[in-house]
Amino acid sequence: MPQQPFTAVLAAADTTGFHPGLAFFVEWAVVIGAIIGTPIYVVRQVRNRRKDR
């Protein structure tokens, strides 16, 4: 998938009528945070469990 400049993405969104609101960005922020945070959380839990033994 080729990289598109941000202005082209905005222009495409403008012509297609796709105007995401704040909730759209908040939802994606939560999804991306979960994808990044879950492996970190699991690794910490495993390390703590090994340390306790």
C-alpha atoms as a PDB file:
ATOM      1  CA  MET A   1       0.000   0.000   0.000  1.00  0.00           C
ATOM      2  CA  PRO A   2       1.662   3.250  -1.053  1.00  0.00           C
ATOM      3  CA  GLN A   3       2.116   6.077   1.400  1.00  0.00           C
ATOM      4  CA  GLN A   4      -0.312   8.921   0.744  1.00  0.00           C
ATOM      5  CA  PRO A   5       0.289  12.495   1.829  1.00  0.00           C
ATOM      6  CA  PHE A   6      -2.018  13.664   4.579  1.00  0.00           C
ATOM      7  CA  THR A   7      -3.593  16.336   2.358  1.00  0.00           C
ATOM      8  CA  ALA A   8      -4.597  13.674  -0.184  1.00  0.00           C
ATOM      9  CA  VAL A   9      -6.229  11.629   2.562  1.00  0.00           C
ATOM     10  CA  LEU A  10      -8.120  14.693   3.784  1.00  0.00           C
ATOM     11  CA  ALA A  11      -9.205  15.545   0.239  1.00  0.00           C
ATOM     12  CA  ALA A  12     -10.466  12.002  -0.303  1.00  0.00           C
ATOM     13  CA  ALA A  13     -12.348  12.127   2.996  1.00  0.00           C
ATOM     14  CA  ASP A  14     -13.831  15.458   1.959  1.00  0.00           C
ATOM     15  CA  THR A  15     -15.065  14.195  -1.407  1.00  0.00           C
ATOM     16  CA  THR A  16     -16.468  10.912  -0.082  1.00  0.00           C
ATOM     17  CA  GLY A  17     -18.359  12.580   2.760  1.00  0.00           C
ATOM     18  CA  PHE A  18     -16.463  10.626   5.435  1.00  0.00           C
ATOM     19  CA  HIS A  19     -16.010  13.034   8.348  1.00  0.00           C
ATOM     20  CA  PRO A  20     -14.967  11.125  11.452  1.00  0.00           C
ATOM     21  CA  GLY A  21     -15.819  12.769  14.732  1.00  0.00           C
ATOM     22  CA  LEU A  22     -13.978  12.754  18.041  1.00  0.00           C
ATOM     23  CA  ALA A  23     -15.461   9.392  19.017  1.00  0.00           C
ATOM     24  CA  PHE A  24     -13.868   7.777  15.941  1.00  0.00           C
ATOM     25  CA  PHE A  25     -10.384   8.895  16.974  1.00  0.00           C
ATOM     26  CA  VAL A  26     -10.963   8.000  20.620  1.00  0.00           C
ATOM     27  CA  GLU A  27     -12.070   4.514  19.601  1.00  0.00           C
ATOM     28  CA  TRP A  28      -8.965   3.959  17.494  1.00  0.00           C
ATOM     29  CA  ALA A  29      -6.742   5.334  20.256  1.00  0.00           C
ATOM     30  CA  VAL A  30      -8.227   2.754  22.649  1.00  0.00           C
ATOM     31  CA  VAL A  31      -7.783  -0.065  20.101  1.00  0.00           C
ATOM     32  CA  ILE A  32      -4.157   0.874  19.372  1.00  0.00           C
ATOM     33  CA  GLY A  33      -3.455   1.274  23.086  1.00  0.00           C
ATOM     34  CA  ALA A  34      -4.858  -2.190  23.768  1.00  0.00           C
ATOM     35  CA  ILE A  35      -2.774  -3.731  20.980  1.00  0.00           C
ATOM     36  CA  ILE A  36       0.391  -2.135  22.352  1.00  0.00           C
ATOM     37  CA  GLY A  37      -0.425  -2.512  26.048  1.00  0.00           C
ATOM     38  CA  THR A  38      -1.574  -6.127  26.185  1.00  0.00           C
ATOM     39  CA  PRO A  39       1.792  -7.757  25.381  1.00  0.00           C
ATOM     40  CA  ILE A  40       3.536  -5.411  27.848  1.00  0.00           C
ATOM     41  CA  TYR A  41       1.023  -6.331  30.559  1.00  0.00           C
ATOM     42  CA  VAL A  42       1.406 -10.063  29.877  1.00  0.00           C
ATOM     43  CA  VAL A  43       5.221  -9.867  29.971  1.00  0.00           C
ATOM     44  CA  ARG A  44       5.108  -8.026  33.304  1.00  0.00           C
ATOM     45  CA  GLN A  45       2.712 -10.574  34.771  1.00  0.00           C
ATOM     46  CA  VAL A  46       4.920 -13.475  33.683  1.00  0.00           C
ATOM     47  CA  ARG A  47       8.061 -11.815  35.076  1.00  0.00           C
ATOM     48  CA  ASN A  48       6.366 -11.097  38.402  1.00  0.00           C
ATOM     49  CA  ARG A  49       5.092 -14.659  38.656  1.00  0.00           C
ATOM     50  CA  ARG A  50       8.593 -16.041  37.987  1.00  0.00           C
ATOM     51  CA  LYS A  51      10.100 -13.632  40.525  1.00  0.00           C
ATOM     52  CA  ASP A  52       7.654 -14.762  43.224  1.00  0.00           C
ATOM     53  CA  ARG A  53       8.637 -18.431  42.886  1.00  0.00           C
END
